Amino acid sequence: MFGVVFGVLILAFGISMVGNFGRLADRMFESAASLLNPGIATPNTFRFGGVVVIIIGIFWVATGVSEML
C-alpha cells in the first residue's frame, strides 16, 4: 500500500513538472540557475526530468500493486 501511495505522489510531481503546472519547472530552474552553467540547462531540462520522474512513479505503483495482490 505504501508503494502505491508513494508512487502516486511521485507521478503527480512528475506530471506537474511536465505540464509546468503552477510554473513548477520554471520555479525549479530559477532556484537552481545559480548552480548550473549558463546556457546549458533551461526550464525544459526540468520538464524532461519530469518524464523520468513519471517513469519512476509508474515503477513504484506497479510494484506496490503487485505486493498488494
PDB file of N, CA and C in Angstrom:
ATOM      1  N   MET A   1       0.819  -1.190   0.000  1.00  0.00           N
ATOM      2  CA  MET A   1       0.000   0.000   0.000  1.00  0.00           C
ATOM      3  C   MET A   1       0.871   1.265   0.000  1.00  0.00           C
ATOM      4  N   PHE A   2       1.951   1.230   0.784  1.00  0.00           N
ATOM      5  CA  PHE A   2       2.860   2.373   0.838  1.00  0.00           C
ATOM      6  C   PHE A   2       3.433   2.658  -0.540  1.00  0.00           C
ATOM      7  N   GLY A   3       3.791   1.611  -1.273  1.00  0.00           N
ATOM      8  CA  GLY A   3       4.373   1.791  -2.603  1.00  0.00           C
ATOM      9  C   GLY A   3       3.416   2.471  -3.569  1.00  0.00           C
ATOM     10  N   VAL A   4       2.132   2.117  -3.479  1.00  0.00           N
ATOM     11  CA  VAL A   4       1.138   2.727  -4.361  1.00  0.00           C
ATOM     12  C   VAL A   4       0.963   4.208  -4.021  1.00  0.00           C
ATOM     13  N   VAL A   5       0.839   4.514  -2.734  1.00  0.00           N
ATOM     14  CA  VAL A   5       0.655   5.910  -2.313  1.00  0.00           C
ATOM     15  C   VAL A   5       1.879   6.748  -2.699  1.00  0.00           C
ATOM     16  N   PHE A   6       3.064   6.221  -2.415  1.00  0.00           N
ATOM     17  CA  PHE A   6       4.292   6.935  -2.747  1.00  0.00           C
ATOM     18  C   PHE A   6       4.416   7.102  -4.262  1.00  0.00           C
ATOM     19  N   GLY A   7       4.072   6.066  -5.015  1.00  0.00           N
ATOM     20  CA  GLY A   7       4.132   6.131  -6.469  1.00  0.00           C
ATOM     21  C   GLY A   7       3.176   7.156  -7.049  1.00  0.00           C
ATOM     22  N   VAL A   8       1.982   7.250  -6.473  1.00  0.00           N
ATOM     23  CA  VAL A   8       1.015   8.237  -6.949  1.00  0.00           C
ATOM     24  C   VAL A   8       1.524   9.653  -6.667  1.00  0.00           C
ATOM     25  N   LEU A   9       2.142   9.855  -5.507  1.00  0.00           N
ATOM     26  CA  LEU A   9       2.710  11.171  -5.202  1.00  0.00           C
ATOM     27  C   LEU A   9       3.836  11.523  -6.171  1.00  0.00           C
ATOM     28  N   ILE A  10       4.682  10.544  -6.479  1.00  0.00           N
ATOM     29  CA  ILE A  10       5.762  10.770  -7.435  1.00  0.00           C
ATOM     30  C   ILE A  10       5.192  11.061  -8.821  1.00  0.00           C
ATOM     31  N   LEU A  11       4.159  10.302  -9.216  1.00  0.00           N
ATOM     32  CA  LEU A  11       3.522  10.551 -10.513  1.00  0.00           C
ATOM     33  C   LEU A  11       2.942  11.962 -10.580  1.00  0.00           C
ATOM     34  N   ALA A  12       2.277  12.385  -9.528  1.00  0.00           N
ATOM     35  CA  ALA A  12       1.691  13.724  -9.515  1.00  0.00           C
ATOM     36  C   ALA A  12       2.774  14.798  -9.645  1.00  0.00           C
ATOM     37  N   PHE A  13       3.895  14.591  -8.961  1.00  0.00           N
ATOM     38  CA  PHE A  13       5.003  15.539  -9.063  1.00  0.00           C
ATOM     39  C   PHE A  13       5.567  15.561 -10.485  1.00  0.00           C
ATOM     40  N   GLY A  14       5.745  14.393 -11.079  1.00  0.00           N
ATOM     41  CA  GLY A  14       6.275  14.313 -12.444  1.00  0.00           C
ATOM     42  C   GLY A  14       5.341  14.943 -13.457  1.00  0.00           C
ATOM     43  N   ILE A  15       4.043  14.707 -13.307  1.00  0.00           N
ATOM     44  CA  ILE A  15       3.071  15.302 -14.223  1.00  0.00           C
ATOM     45  C   ILE A  15       3.061  16.819 -14.068  1.00  0.00           C
ATOM     46  N   SER A  16       3.205  17.285 -12.837  1.00  0.00           N
ATOM     47  CA  SER A  16       3.272  18.730 -12.608  1.00  0.00           C
ATOM     48  C   SER A  16       4.507  19.340 -13.255  1.00  0.00           C
ATOM     49  N   MET A  17       5.615  18.598 -13.231  1.00  0.00           N
ATOM     50  CA  MET A  17       6.835  19.103 -13.869  1.00  0.00           C
ATOM     51  C   MET A  17       6.679  19.136 -15.389  1.00  0.00           C
ATOM     52  N   VAL A  18       6.137  18.074 -15.967  1.00  0.00           N
ATOM     53  CA  VAL A  18       5.999  18.017 -17.425  1.00  0.00           C
ATOM     54  C   VAL A  18       5.020  19.075 -17.916  1.00  0.00           C
ATOM     55  N   GLY A  19       3.894  19.196 -17.222  1.00  0.00           N
ATOM     56  CA  GLY A  19       2.891  20.168 -17.630  1.00  0.00           C
ATOM     57  C   GLY A  19       3.203  21.582 -17.187  1.00  0.00           C
ATOM     58  N   ASN A  20       4.214  21.737 -16.359  1.00  0.00           N
ATOM     59  CA  ASN A  20       4.618  23.028 -15.807  1.00  0.00           C
ATOM     60  C   ASN A  20       3.456  23.696 -15.071  1.00  0.00           C
ATOM     61  N   PHE A  21       2.676  22.862 -14.365  1.00  0.00           N
ATOM     62  CA  PHE A  21       1.551  23.370 -13.591  1.00  0.00           C
ATOM     63  C   PHE A  21       2.080  24.165 -12.412  1.00  0.00           C
ATOM     64  N   GLY A  22       1.497  25.314 -12.196  1.00  0.00           N
ATOM     65  CA  GLY A  22       1.975  26.175 -11.128  1.00  0.00           C
ATOM     66  C   GLY A  22       3.383  26.692 -11.393  1.00  0.00           C
ATOM     67  N   ARG A  23       3.773  26.683 -12.666  1.00  0.00           N
ATOM     68  CA  ARG A  23       5.121  27.098 -13.073  1.00  0.00           C
ATOM     69  C   ARG A  23       6.200  26.345 -12.287  1.00  0.00           C
ATOM     70  N   LEU A  24       5.952  25.074 -11.986  1.00  0.00           N
ATOM     71  CA  LEU A  24       6.870  24.285 -11.174  1.00  0.00           C
ATOM     72  C   LEU A  24       8.247  24.173 -11.813  1.00  0.00           C
ATOM     73  N   ALA A  25       8.299  23.811 -13.096  1.00  0.00           N
ATOM     74  CA  ALA A  25       9.592  23.667 -13.767  1.00  0.00           C
ATOM     75  C   ALA A  25      10.326  25.002 -13.840  1.00  0.00           C
ATOM     76  N   ASP A  26       9.587  26.073 -14.085  1.00  0.00           N
ATOM     77  CA  ASP A  26      10.219  27.397 -14.138  1.00  0.00           C
ATOM     78  C   ASP A  26      10.791  27.790 -12.782  1.00  0.00           C
ATOM     79  N   ARG A  27      10.017  27.534 -11.712  1.00  0.00           N
ATOM     80  CA  ARG A  27      10.498  27.889 -10.380  1.00  0.00           C
ATOM     81  C   ARG A  27      11.690  27.029  -9.970  1.00  0.00           C
ATOM     82  N   MET A  28      11.691  25.749 -10.363  1.00  0.00           N
ATOM     83  CA  MET A  28      12.840  24.897 -10.059  1.00  0.00           C
ATOM     84  C   MET A  28      14.076  25.390 -10.800  1.00  0.00           C
ATOM     85  N   PHE A  29      13.896  25.823 -12.051  1.00  0.00           N
ATOM     86  CA  PHE A  29      15.025  26.350 -12.820  1.00  0.00           C
ATOM     87  C   PHE A  29      15.559  27.623 -12.184  1.00  0.00           C
ATOM     88  N   GLU A  30      14.657  28.511 -11.759  1.00  0.00           N
ATOM     89  CA  GLU A  30      15.091  29.769 -11.149  1.00  0.00           C
ATOM     90  C   GLU A  30      15.880  29.526  -9.873  1.00  0.00           C
ATOM     91  N   SER A  31      15.477  28.543  -9.092  1.00  0.00           N
ATOM     92  CA  SER A  31      16.191  28.287  -7.837  1.00  0.00           C
ATOM     93  C   SER A  31      17.512  27.555  -8.067  1.00  0.00           C
ATOM     94  N   ALA A  32      17.615  26.798  -9.155  1.00  0.00           N
ATOM     95  CA  ALA A  32      18.841  26.032  -9.417  1.00  0.00           C
ATOM     96  C   ALA A  32      19.758  26.722 -10.422  1.00  0.00           C
ATOM     97  N   ALA A  33      19.330  27.853 -10.977  1.00  0.00           N
ATOM     98  CA  ALA A  33      20.112  28.510 -12.034  1.00  0.00           C
ATOM     99  C   ALA A  33      21.495  28.932 -11.555  1.00  0.00           C
ATOM    100  N   SER A  34      21.621  29.286 -10.295  1.00  0.00           N
ATOM    101  CA  SER A  34      22.929  29.719  -9.800  1.00  0.00           C
ATOM    102  C   SER A  34      23.904  28.545  -9.689  1.00  0.00           C
ATOM    103  N   LEU A  35      23.389  27.328  -9.641  1.00  0.00           N
ATOM    104  CA  LEU A  35      24.247  26.149  -9.526  1.00  0.00           C
ATOM    105  C   LEU A  35      24.625  25.560 -10.882  1.00  0.00           C
ATOM    106  N   LEU A  36      23.910  25.950 -11.935  1.00  0.00           N
ATOM    107  CA  LEU A  36      24.118  25.375 -13.257  1.00  0.00           C
ATOM    108  C   LEU A  36      24.969  26.298 -14.122  1.00  0.00           C
ATOM    109  N   ASN A  37      25.648  25.714 -15.088  1.00  0.00           N
ATOM    110  CA  ASN A  37      26.400  26.516 -16.051  1.00  0.00           C
ATOM    111  C   ASN A  37      25.425  27.262 -16.952  1.00  0.00           C
ATOM    112  N   PRO A  38      25.670  28.540 -17.200  1.00  0.00           N
ATOM    113  CA  PRO A  38      24.737  29.285 -18.048  1.00  0.00           C
ATOM    114  C   PRO A  38      24.715  28.742 -19.468  1.00  0.00           C
ATOM    115  N   GLY A  39      23.549  28.685 -20.040  1.00  0.00           N
ATOM    116  CA  GLY A  39      23.395  28.240 -21.420  1.00  0.00           C
ATOM    117  C   GLY A  39      23.238  26.748 -21.588  1.00  0.00           C
ATOM    118  N   ILE A  40      23.420  25.969 -20.545  1.00  0.00           N
ATOM    119  CA  ILE A  40      23.320  24.519 -20.687  1.00  0.00           C
ATOM    120  C   ILE A  40      21.915  24.032 -20.347  1.00  0.00           C
ATOM    121  N   ALA A  41      21.385  24.461 -19.221  1.00  0.00           N
ATOM    122  CA  ALA A  41      20.082  23.990 -18.768  1.00  0.00           C
ATOM    123  C   ALA A  41      19.031  25.075 -18.974  1.00  0.00           C
ATOM    124  N   THR A  42      17.829  24.638 -19.295  1.00  0.00           N
ATOM    125  CA  THR A  42      16.683  25.524 -19.439  1.00  0.00           C
ATOM    126  C   THR A  42      15.543  24.948 -18.607  1.00  0.00           C
ATOM    127  N   PRO A  43      14.436  25.668 -18.480  1.00  0.00           N
ATOM    128  CA  PRO A  43      13.289  25.067 -17.791  1.00  0.00           C
ATOM    129  C   PRO A  43      12.829  23.766 -18.442  1.00  0.00           C
ATOM    130  N   ASN A  44      13.059  23.642 -19.752  1.00  0.00           N
ATOM    131  CA  ASN A  44      12.682  22.393 -20.426  1.00  0.00           C
ATOM    132  C   ASN A  44      13.517  21.217 -19.945  1.00  0.00           C
ATOM    133  N   THR A  45      14.700  21.476 -19.421  1.00  0.00           N
ATOM    134  CA  THR A  45      15.504  20.407 -18.840  1.00  0.00           C
ATOM    135  C   THR A  45      14.771  19.804 -17.644  1.00  0.00           C
ATOM    136  N   PHE A  46      14.164  20.639 -16.841  1.00  0.00           N
ATOM    137  CA  PHE A  46      13.410  20.150 -15.691  1.00  0.00           C
ATOM    138  C   PHE A  46      12.116  19.486 -16.126  1.00  0.00           C
ATOM    139  N   ARG A  47      11.553  19.927 -17.238  1.00  0.00           N
ATOM    140  CA  ARG A  47      10.359  19.268 -17.769  1.00  0.00           C
ATOM    141  C   ARG A  47      10.721  17.862 -18.254  1.00  0.00           C
ATOM    142  N   PHE A  48      11.888  17.706 -18.870  1.00  0.00           N
ATOM    143  CA  PHE A  48      12.350  16.376 -19.267  1.00  0.00           C
ATOM    144  C   PHE A  48      12.586  15.513 -18.034  1.00  0.00           C
ATOM    145  N   GLY A  49      13.113  16.124 -16.995  1.00  0.00           N
ATOM    146  CA  GLY A  49      13.274  15.392 -15.734  1.00  0.00           C
ATOM    147  C   GLY A  49      11.948  14.879 -15.215  1.00  0.00           C
ATOM    148  N   GLY A  50      10.873  15.600 -15.498  1.00  0.00           N
ATOM    149  CA  GLY A  50       9.538  15.152 -15.107  1.00  0.00           C
ATOM    150  C   GLY A  50       9.155  13.841 -15.774  1.00  0.00           C
ATOM    151  N   VAL A  51       9.598  13.650 -17.016  1.00  0.00           N
ATOM    152  CA  VAL A  51       9.329  12.384 -17.711  1.00  0.00           C
ATOM    153  C   VAL A  51      10.015  11.236 -16.972  1.00  0.00           C
ATOM    154  N   VAL A  52      11.240  11.459 -16.544  1.00  0.00           N
ATOM    155  CA  VAL A  52      11.976  10.436 -15.795  1.00  0.00           C
ATOM    156  C   VAL A  52      11.280  10.159 -14.466  1.00  0.00           C
ATOM    157  N   VAL A  53      10.796  11.209 -13.815  1.00  0.00           N
ATOM    158  CA  VAL A  53      10.090  11.043 -12.538  1.00  0.00           C
ATOM    159  C   VAL A  53       8.796  10.258 -12.745  1.00  0.00           C
ATOM    160  N   ILE A  54       8.100  10.483 -13.855  1.00  0.00           N
ATOM    161  CA  ILE A  54       6.874   9.736 -14.153  1.00  0.00           C
ATOM    162  C   ILE A  54       7.184   8.253 -14.310  1.00  0.00           C
ATOM    163  N   ILE A  55       8.264   7.932 -14.993  1.00  0.00           N
ATOM    164  CA  ILE A  55       8.646   6.519 -15.168  1.00  0.00           C
ATOM    165  C   ILE A  55       8.945   5.880 -13.821  1.00  0.00           C
ATOM    166  N   ILE A  56       9.635   6.602 -12.956  1.00  0.00           N
ATOM    167  CA  ILE A  56       9.916   6.084 -11.611  1.00  0.00           C
ATOM    168  C   ILE A  56       8.617   5.883 -10.834  1.00  0.00           C
ATOM    169  N   GLY A  57       7.685   6.822 -10.957  1.00  0.00           N
ATOM    170  CA  GLY A  57       6.399   6.700 -10.282  1.00  0.00           C
ATOM    171  C   GLY A  57       5.611   5.499 -10.762  1.00  0.00           C
ATOM    172  N   ILE A  58       5.630   5.249 -12.067  1.00  0.00           N
ATOM    173  CA  ILE A  58       4.942   4.071 -12.607  1.00  0.00           C
ATOM    174  C   ILE A  58       5.541   2.800 -12.029  1.00  0.00           C
ATOM    175  N   PHE A  59       6.859   2.767 -11.908  1.00  0.00           N
ATOM    176  CA  PHE A  59       7.515   1.599 -11.314  1.00  0.00           C
ATOM    177  C   PHE A  59       7.041   1.384  -9.875  1.00  0.00           C
ATOM    178  N   TRP A  60       6.981   2.471  -9.082  1.00  0.00           N
ATOM    179  CA  TRP A  60       6.537   2.353  -7.692  1.00  0.00           C
ATOM    180  C   TRP A  60       5.097   1.864  -7.606  1.00  0.00           C
ATOM    181  N   VAL A  61       4.220   2.384  -8.459  1.00  0.00           N
ATOM    182  CA  VAL A  61       2.817   1.960  -8.435  1.00  0.00           C
ATOM    183  C   VAL A  61       2.697   0.498  -8.835  1.00  0.00           C
ATOM    184  N   ALA A  62       3.394   0.101  -9.886  1.00  0.00           N
ATOM    185  CA  ALA A  62       3.328  -1.288 -10.331  1.00  0.00           C
ATOM    186  C   ALA A  62       3.869  -2.230  -9.258  1.00  0.00           C
ATOM    187  N   THR A  63       4.947  -1.861  -8.609  1.00  0.00           N
ATOM    188  CA  THR A  63       5.499  -2.694  -7.549  1.00  0.00           C
ATOM    189  C   THR A  63       4.541  -2.770  -6.368  1.00  0.00           C
ATOM    190  N   GLY A  64       3.956  -1.641  -5.991  1.00  0.00           N
ATOM    191  CA  GLY A  64       3.011  -1.625  -4.869  1.00  0.00           C
ATOM    192  C   GLY A  64       1.770  -2.443  -5.143  1.00  0.00           C
ATOM    193  N   VAL A  65       1.248  -2.366  -6.353  1.00  0.00           N
ATOM    194  CA  VAL A  65       0.050  -3.147  -6.700  1.00  0.00           C
ATOM    195  C   VAL A  65       0.371  -4.625  -6.685  1.00  0.00           C
ATOM    196  N   SER A  66       1.527  -5.018  -7.212  1.00  0.00           N
ATOM    197  CA  SER A  66       1.880  -6.439  -7.222  1.00  0.00           C
ATOM    198  C   SER A  66       2.081  -6.977  -5.808  1.00  0.00           C
ATOM    199  N   GLU A  67       2.526  -6.141  -4.887  1.00  0.00           N
ATOM    200  CA  GLU A  67       2.679  -6.581  -3.496  1.00  0.00           C
ATOM    201  C   GLU A  67       1.336  -6.712  -2.798  1.00  0.00           C
ATOM    202  N   MET A  68       0.362  -5.894  -3.199  1.00  0.00           N
ATOM    203  CA  MET A  68      -0.949  -5.951  -2.572  1.00  0.00           C
ATOM    204  C   MET A  68      -1.719  -7.198  -3.021  1.00  0.00           C
ATOM    205  N   LEU A  69      -1.434  -7.690  -4.217  1.00  0.00           N
ATOM    206  CA  LEU A  69      -2.188  -8.850  -4.739  1.00  0.00           C
ATOM    207  C   LEU A  69      -1.714 -10.131  -4.165  1.00  0.00           C
TER     208      LEU A  69
END
